[in-house]
All heavy atoms as atom14 arrays in JSON, in Angstrom:
{
  "sequence": "GASPENCAAYGPGFDRPNETRDGRKIVYDL",
  "atom14_mask": [
    [1, 1, 1, 1, 0, 0, 0, 0, 0, 0, 0, 0, 0, 0],
    [1, 1, 1, 1, 1, 0, 0, 0, 0, 0, 0, 0, 0, 0],
    [1, 1, 1, 1, 1, 1, 0, 0, 0, 0, 0, 0, 0, 0],
    [1, 1, 1, 1, 1, 1, 1, 0, 0, 0, 0, 0, 0, 0],
    [1, 1, 1, 1, 1, 1, 1, 1, 1, 0, 0, 0, 0, 0],
    [1, 1, 1, 1, 1, 1, 1, 1, 0, 0, 0, 0, 0, 0],
    [1, 1, 1, 1, 1, 1, 0, 0, 0, 0, 0, 0, 0, 0],
    [1, 1, 1, 1, 1, 0, 0, 0, 0, 0, 0, 0, 0, 0],
    [1, 1, 1, 1, 1, 0, 0, 0, 0, 0, 0, 0, 0, 0],
    [1, 1, 1, 1, 1, 1, 1, 1, 1, 1, 1, 1, 0, 0],
    [1, 1, 1, 1, 0, 0, 0, 0, 0, 0, 0, 0, 0, 0],
    [1, 1, 1, 1, 1, 1, 1, 0, 0, 0, 0, 0, 0, 0],
    [1, 1, 1, 1, 0, 0, 0, 0, 0, 0, 0, 0, 0, 0],
    [1, 1, 1, 1, 1, 1, 1, 1, 1, 1, 1, 0, 0, 0],
    [1, 1, 1, 1, 1, 1, 1, 1, 0, 0, 0, 0, 0, 0],
    [1, 1, 1, 1, 1, 1, 1, 1, 1, 1, 1, 0, 0, 0],
    [1, 1, 1, 1, 1, 1, 1, 0, 0, 0, 0, 0, 0, 0],
    [1, 1, 1, 1, 1, 1, 1, 1, 0, 0, 0, 0, 0, 0],
    [1, 1, 1, 1, 1, 1, 1, 1, 1, 0, 0, 0, 0, 0],
    [1, 1, 1, 1, 1, 1, 1, 0, 0, 0, 0, 0, 0, 0],
    [1, 1, 1, 1, 1, 1, 1, 1, 1, 1, 1, 0, 0, 0],
    [1, 1, 1, 1, 1, 1, 1, 1, 0, 0, 0, 0, 0, 0],
    [1, 1, 1, 1, 0, 0, 0, 0, 0, 0, 0, 0, 0, 0],
    [1, 1, 1, 1, 1, 1, 1, 1, 1, 1, 1, 0, 0, 0],
    [1, 1, 1, 1, 1, 1, 1, 1, 1, 0, 0, 0, 0, 0],
    [1, 1, 1, 1, 1, 1, 1, 1, 0, 0, 0, 0, 0, 0],
    [1, 1, 1, 1, 1, 1, 1, 0, 0, 0, 0, 0, 0, 0],
    [1, 1, 1, 1, 1, 1, 1, 1, 1, 1, 1, 1, 0, 0],
    [1, 1, 1, 1, 1, 1, 1, 1, 0, 0, 0, 0, 0, 0],
    [1, 1, 1, 1, 1, 1, 1, 1, 0, 0, 0, 0, 0, 0]
  ],
  "atom14_positions": [
    [[127.77, 112.47, 35.18], [128.12, 113.86, 35.42], [126.89, 114.76, 35.39], [125.79, 114.33, 35.05], [0.0, 0.0, 0.0], [0.0, 0.0, 0.0], [0.0, 0.0, 0.0], [0.0, 0.0, 0.0], [0.0, 0.0, 0.0], [0.0, 0.0, 0.0], [0.0, 0.0, 0.0], [0.0, 0.0, 0.0], [0.0, 0.0, 0.0], [0.0, 0.0, 0.0]],
    [[127.09, 116.01, 35.77], [125.99, 116.97, 35.74], [125.42, 117.08, 34.33], [126.13, 116.9, 33.33], [126.48, 118.34, 36.23], [0.0, 0.0, 0.0], [0.0, 0.0, 0.0], [0.0, 0.0, 0.0], [0.0, 0.0, 0.0], [0.0, 0.0, 0.0], [0.0, 0.0, 0.0], [0.0, 0.0, 0.0], [0.0, 0.0, 0.0], [0.0, 0.0, 0.0]],
    [[124.13, 117.41, 34.25], [123.43, 117.37, 32.97], [123.47, 118.72, 32.25], [123.21, 119.76, 32.85], [121.96, 116.98, 33.19], [121.24, 117.12, 31.99], [0.0, 0.0, 0.0], [0.0, 0.0, 0.0], [0.0, 0.0, 0.0], [0.0, 0.0, 0.0], [0.0, 0.0, 0.0], [0.0, 0.0, 0.0], [0.0, 0.0, 0.0], [0.0, 0.0, 0.0]],
    [[123.75, 118.69, 30.93], [123.75, 119.92, 30.13], [122.38, 120.23, 29.54], [122.22, 121.21, 28.83], [124.72, 119.58, 29.0], [124.43, 118.13, 28.74], [124.16, 117.53, 30.11], [0.0, 0.0, 0.0], [0.0, 0.0, 0.0], [0.0, 0.0, 0.0], [0.0, 0.0, 0.0], [0.0, 0.0, 0.0], [0.0, 0.0, 0.0], [0.0, 0.0, 0.0]],
    [[121.4, 119.39, 29.81], [120.11, 119.48, 29.12], [119.39, 120.8, 29.41], [119.5, 121.36, 30.5], [119.21, 118.32, 29.56], [119.73, 116.95, 29.15], [119.02, 115.83, 29.89], [119.41, 115.53, 31.04], [118.07, 115.26, 29.33], [0.0, 0.0, 0.0], [0.0, 0.0, 0.0], [0.0, 0.0, 0.0], [0.0, 0.0, 0.0], [0.0, 0.0, 0.0]],
    [[118.64, 121.23, 28.43], [117.69, 122.33, 28.61], [116.31, 121.7, 28.62], [115.66, 121.56, 27.58], [117.82, 123.35, 27.48], [116.82, 124.48, 27.61], [116.09, 124.58, 28.6], [116.75, 125.33, 26.6], [0.0, 0.0, 0.0], [0.0, 0.0, 0.0], [0.0, 0.0, 0.0], [0.0, 0.0, 0.0], [0.0, 0.0, 0.0], [0.0, 0.0, 0.0]],
    [[115.86, 121.3, 29.8], [114.62, 120.51, 29.86], [113.4, 121.33, 29.47], [112.38, 120.78, 29.06], [114.45, 119.88, 31.23], [113.96, 121.01, 32.55], [0.0, 0.0, 0.0], [0.0, 0.0, 0.0], [0.0, 0.0, 0.0], [0.0, 0.0, 0.0], [0.0, 0.0, 0.0], [0.0, 0.0, 0.0], [0.0, 0.0, 0.0], [0.0, 0.0, 0.0]],
    [[113.49, 122.66, 29.55], [112.37, 123.5, 29.12], [112.09, 123.31, 27.64], [110.94, 123.41, 27.19], [112.67, 124.96, 29.43], [0.0, 0.0, 0.0], [0.0, 0.0, 0.0], [0.0, 0.0, 0.0], [0.0, 0.0, 0.0], [0.0, 0.0, 0.0], [0.0, 0.0, 0.0], [0.0, 0.0, 0.0], [0.0, 0.0, 0.0], [0.0, 0.0, 0.0]],
    [[113.14, 123.01, 26.86], [112.97, 122.81, 25.42], [112.23, 121.52, 25.1], [111.66, 121.38, 24.01], [114.33, 122.82, 24.73], [0.0, 0.0, 0.0], [0.0, 0.0, 0.0], [0.0, 0.0, 0.0], [0.0, 0.0, 0.0], [0.0, 0.0, 0.0], [0.0, 0.0, 0.0], [0.0, 0.0, 0.0], [0.0, 0.0, 0.0], [0.0, 0.0, 0.0]],
    [[112.23, 120.57, 26.04], [111.5, 119.32, 25.81], [109.99, 119.56, 25.8], [109.26, 118.91, 25.06], [111.83, 118.28, 26.88], [113.26, 117.83, 26.92], [113.82, 117.35, 28.1], [114.08, 117.84, 25.79], [115.14, 116.92, 28.17], [115.39, 117.41, 25.84], [115.92, 116.95, 27.04], [117.22, 116.52, 27.1], [0.0, 0.0, 0.0], [0.0, 0.0, 0.0]],
    [[109.55, 120.48, 26.64], [108.12, 120.72, 26.76], [107.42, 119.55, 27.43], [108.03, 118.55, 27.8], [0.0, 0.0, 0.0], [0.0, 0.0, 0.0], [0.0, 0.0, 0.0], [0.0, 0.0, 0.0], [0.0, 0.0, 0.0], [0.0, 0.0, 0.0], [0.0, 0.0, 0.0], [0.0, 0.0, 0.0], [0.0, 0.0, 0.0], [0.0, 0.0, 0.0]],
    [[106.11, 119.66, 27.63], [105.36, 118.58, 28.28], [105.19, 117.37, 27.38], [105.23, 117.47, 26.16], [104.02, 119.24, 28.6], [103.88, 120.34, 27.61], [105.27, 120.83, 27.32], [0.0, 0.0, 0.0], [0.0, 0.0, 0.0], [0.0, 0.0, 0.0], [0.0, 0.0, 0.0], [0.0, 0.0, 0.0], [0.0, 0.0, 0.0], [0.0, 0.0, 0.0]],
    [[104.99, 116.22, 28.02], [104.79, 114.96, 27.31], [105.72, 113.88, 27.8], [106.73, 114.16, 28.45], [0.0, 0.0, 0.0], [0.0, 0.0, 0.0], [0.0, 0.0, 0.0], [0.0, 0.0, 0.0], [0.0, 0.0, 0.0], [0.0, 0.0, 0.0], [0.0, 0.0, 0.0], [0.0, 0.0, 0.0], [0.0, 0.0, 0.0], [0.0, 0.0, 0.0]],
    [[105.41, 112.66, 27.52], [106.11, 111.45, 27.93], [106.22, 111.32, 29.44], [105.45, 110.61, 30.06], [107.49, 111.33, 27.27], [108.21, 110.05, 27.65], [107.65, 108.82, 27.37], [109.42, 110.08, 28.32], [108.27, 107.63, 27.74], [110.05, 108.91, 28.71], [109.48, 107.69, 28.41], [0.0, 0.0, 0.0], [0.0, 0.0, 0.0], [0.0, 0.0, 0.0]],
    [[107.19, 112.0, 30.08], [107.3, 111.92, 31.54], [107.24, 113.31, 32.19], [107.61, 113.47, 33.34], [108.6, 111.21, 31.95], [109.85, 111.83, 31.34], [109.74, 112.89, 30.68], [110.95, 111.26, 31.52], [0.0, 0.0, 0.0], [0.0, 0.0, 0.0], [0.0, 0.0, 0.0], [0.0, 0.0, 0.0], [0.0, 0.0, 0.0], [0.0, 0.0, 0.0]],
    [[106.71, 114.3, 31.44], [106.7, 115.7, 31.91], [105.28, 116.26, 31.83], [104.71, 116.4, 30.74], [107.65, 116.54, 31.04], [109.08, 115.99, 31.05], [109.94, 116.69, 30.01], [109.43, 116.57, 28.66], [109.59, 115.5, 27.87], [110.27, 114.44, 28.31], [109.09, 115.47, 26.65], [0.0, 0.0, 0.0], [0.0, 0.0, 0.0], [0.0, 0.0, 0.0]],
    [[104.69, 116.61, 32.97], [103.31, 117.11, 33.0], [103.22, 118.54, 32.48], [104.24, 119.23, 32.31], [102.96, 117.06, 34.49], [104.27, 117.25, 35.18], [105.3, 116.55, 34.32], [0.0, 0.0, 0.0], [0.0, 0.0, 0.0], [0.0, 0.0, 0.0], [0.0, 0.0, 0.0], [0.0, 0.0, 0.0], [0.0, 0.0, 0.0], [0.0, 0.0, 0.0]],
    [[102.0, 118.99, 32.21], [101.81, 120.39, 31.82], [101.0, 121.19, 32.84], [100.79, 122.39, 32.66], [101.19, 120.52, 30.42], [99.77, 119.99, 30.36], [99.24, 119.44, 31.33], [99.13, 120.15, 29.2], [0.0, 0.0, 0.0], [0.0, 0.0, 0.0], [0.0, 0.0, 0.0], [0.0, 0.0, 0.0], [0.0, 0.0, 0.0], [0.0, 0.0, 0.0]],
    [[100.55, 120.52, 33.9], [99.94, 121.23, 35.0], [100.03, 120.4, 36.27], [100.23, 119.19, 36.22], [98.48, 121.59, 34.7], [97.57, 120.4, 34.48], [96.14, 120.85, 34.16], [95.96, 121.66, 33.23], [95.21, 120.37, 34.85], [0.0, 0.0, 0.0], [0.0, 0.0, 0.0], [0.0, 0.0, 0.0], [0.0, 0.0, 0.0], [0.0, 0.0, 0.0]],
    [[99.9, 121.08, 37.4], [99.95, 120.4, 38.69], [98.63, 119.71, 38.96], [97.64, 119.9, 38.26], [100.26, 121.39, 39.81], [99.18, 122.33, 39.9], [101.56, 122.14, 39.56], [0.0, 0.0, 0.0], [0.0, 0.0, 0.0], [0.0, 0.0, 0.0], [0.0, 0.0, 0.0], [0.0, 0.0, 0.0], [0.0, 0.0, 0.0], [0.0, 0.0, 0.0]],
    [[98.61, 118.94, 40.02], [97.39, 118.21, 40.39], [96.2, 119.16, 40.59], [95.07, 118.83, 40.25], [97.65, 117.41, 41.67], [96.51, 116.51, 42.09], [96.79, 115.91, 43.45], [97.93, 115.01, 43.44], [97.85, 113.7, 43.23], [96.67, 113.14, 43.01], [98.93, 112.95, 43.26], [0.0, 0.0, 0.0], [0.0, 0.0, 0.0], [0.0, 0.0, 0.0]],
    [[96.49, 120.34, 41.15], [95.41, 121.3, 41.43], [95.17, 122.28, 40.28], [94.49, 123.29, 40.45], [95.68, 122.06, 42.73], [97.01, 122.81, 42.7], [97.68, 122.81, 41.65], [97.37, 123.4, 43.74], [0.0, 0.0, 0.0], [0.0, 0.0, 0.0], [0.0, 0.0, 0.0], [0.0, 0.0, 0.0], [0.0, 0.0, 0.0], [0.0, 0.0, 0.0]],
    [[95.74, 121.98, 39.11], [95.39, 122.73, 37.91], [96.25, 123.92, 37.57], [95.98, 124.62, 36.58], [0.0, 0.0, 0.0], [0.0, 0.0, 0.0], [0.0, 0.0, 0.0], [0.0, 0.0, 0.0], [0.0, 0.0, 0.0], [0.0, 0.0, 0.0], [0.0, 0.0, 0.0], [0.0, 0.0, 0.0], [0.0, 0.0, 0.0], [0.0, 0.0, 0.0]],
    [[97.34, 124.16, 38.32], [98.24, 125.27, 37.96], [99.1, 124.88, 36.75], [99.6, 123.76, 36.69], [99.13, 125.62, 39.16], [98.41, 126.31, 40.3], [99.3, 126.39, 41.54], [99.55, 125.07, 42.1], [100.69, 124.7, 42.67], [101.7, 125.55, 42.74], [100.83, 123.48, 43.16], [0.0, 0.0, 0.0], [0.0, 0.0, 0.0], [0.0, 0.0, 0.0]],
    [[99.24, 125.8, 35.83], [100.02, 125.52, 34.63], [101.51, 125.44, 34.97], [102.03, 126.24, 35.76], [99.79, 126.6, 33.57], [98.37, 126.62, 33.02], [98.03, 125.31, 32.3], [96.62, 125.34, 31.74], [96.26, 124.01, 31.12], [0.0, 0.0, 0.0], [0.0, 0.0, 0.0], [0.0, 0.0, 0.0], [0.0, 0.0, 0.0], [0.0, 0.0, 0.0]],
    [[102.19, 124.5, 34.34], [103.63, 124.35, 34.5], [104.32, 125.07, 33.36], [103.98, 124.87, 32.18], [104.04, 122.87, 34.55], [103.48, 122.22, 35.83], [105.56, 122.72, 34.48], [103.65, 120.73, 35.89], [0.0, 0.0, 0.0], [0.0, 0.0, 0.0], [0.0, 0.0, 0.0], [0.0, 0.0, 0.0], [0.0, 0.0, 0.0], [0.0, 0.0, 0.0]],
    [[105.26, 125.92, 33.7], [105.93, 126.76, 32.71], [107.21, 126.08, 32.21], [108.06, 125.67, 33.01], [106.28, 128.14, 33.31], [107.0, 129.0, 32.27], [105.01, 128.84, 33.79], [0.0, 0.0, 0.0], [0.0, 0.0, 0.0], [0.0, 0.0, 0.0], [0.0, 0.0, 0.0], [0.0, 0.0, 0.0], [0.0, 0.0, 0.0], [0.0, 0.0, 0.0]],
    [[107.34, 125.96, 30.91], [108.58, 125.52, 30.27], [109.17, 126.78, 29.62], [108.87, 127.1, 28.47], [108.3, 124.42, 29.25], [107.89, 123.11, 29.9], [106.57, 122.9, 30.32], [108.8, 122.08, 30.1], [106.19, 121.7, 30.93], [108.43, 120.89, 30.71], [107.13, 120.7, 31.11], [106.76, 119.53, 31.72], [0.0, 0.0, 0.0], [0.0, 0.0, 0.0]],
    [[109.97, 127.47, 30.39], [110.37, 128.84, 30.09], [111.69, 128.86, 29.32], [112.76, 128.67, 29.89], [110.49, 129.62, 31.4], [111.01, 131.03, 31.21], [110.85, 131.56, 30.09], [111.56, 131.6, 32.17], [0.0, 0.0, 0.0], [0.0, 0.0, 0.0], [0.0, 0.0, 0.0], [0.0, 0.0, 0.0], [0.0, 0.0, 0.0], [0.0, 0.0, 0.0]],
    [[111.62, 129.14, 28.03], [112.82, 129.2, 27.2], [113.49, 130.57, 27.22], [114.61, 130.71, 26.74], [112.46, 128.83, 25.75], [112.06, 127.37, 25.52], [111.53, 127.19, 24.11], [113.23, 126.44, 25.78], [0.0, 0.0, 0.0], [0.0, 0.0, 0.0], [0.0, 0.0, 0.0], [0.0, 0.0, 0.0], [0.0, 0.0, 0.0], [0.0, 0.0, 0.0]]
  ]
}
C-alpha cells in the first residue's frame, strides 16, 4: 500500500544522499 513514511525525518545516510552530483544540497525539510 501507499507509504505513511516521513522520509525527511530519516535524513541523509545509508541509501539517502545529502547533495547532488554537482554539489547542490539536498533538503530534508521537516
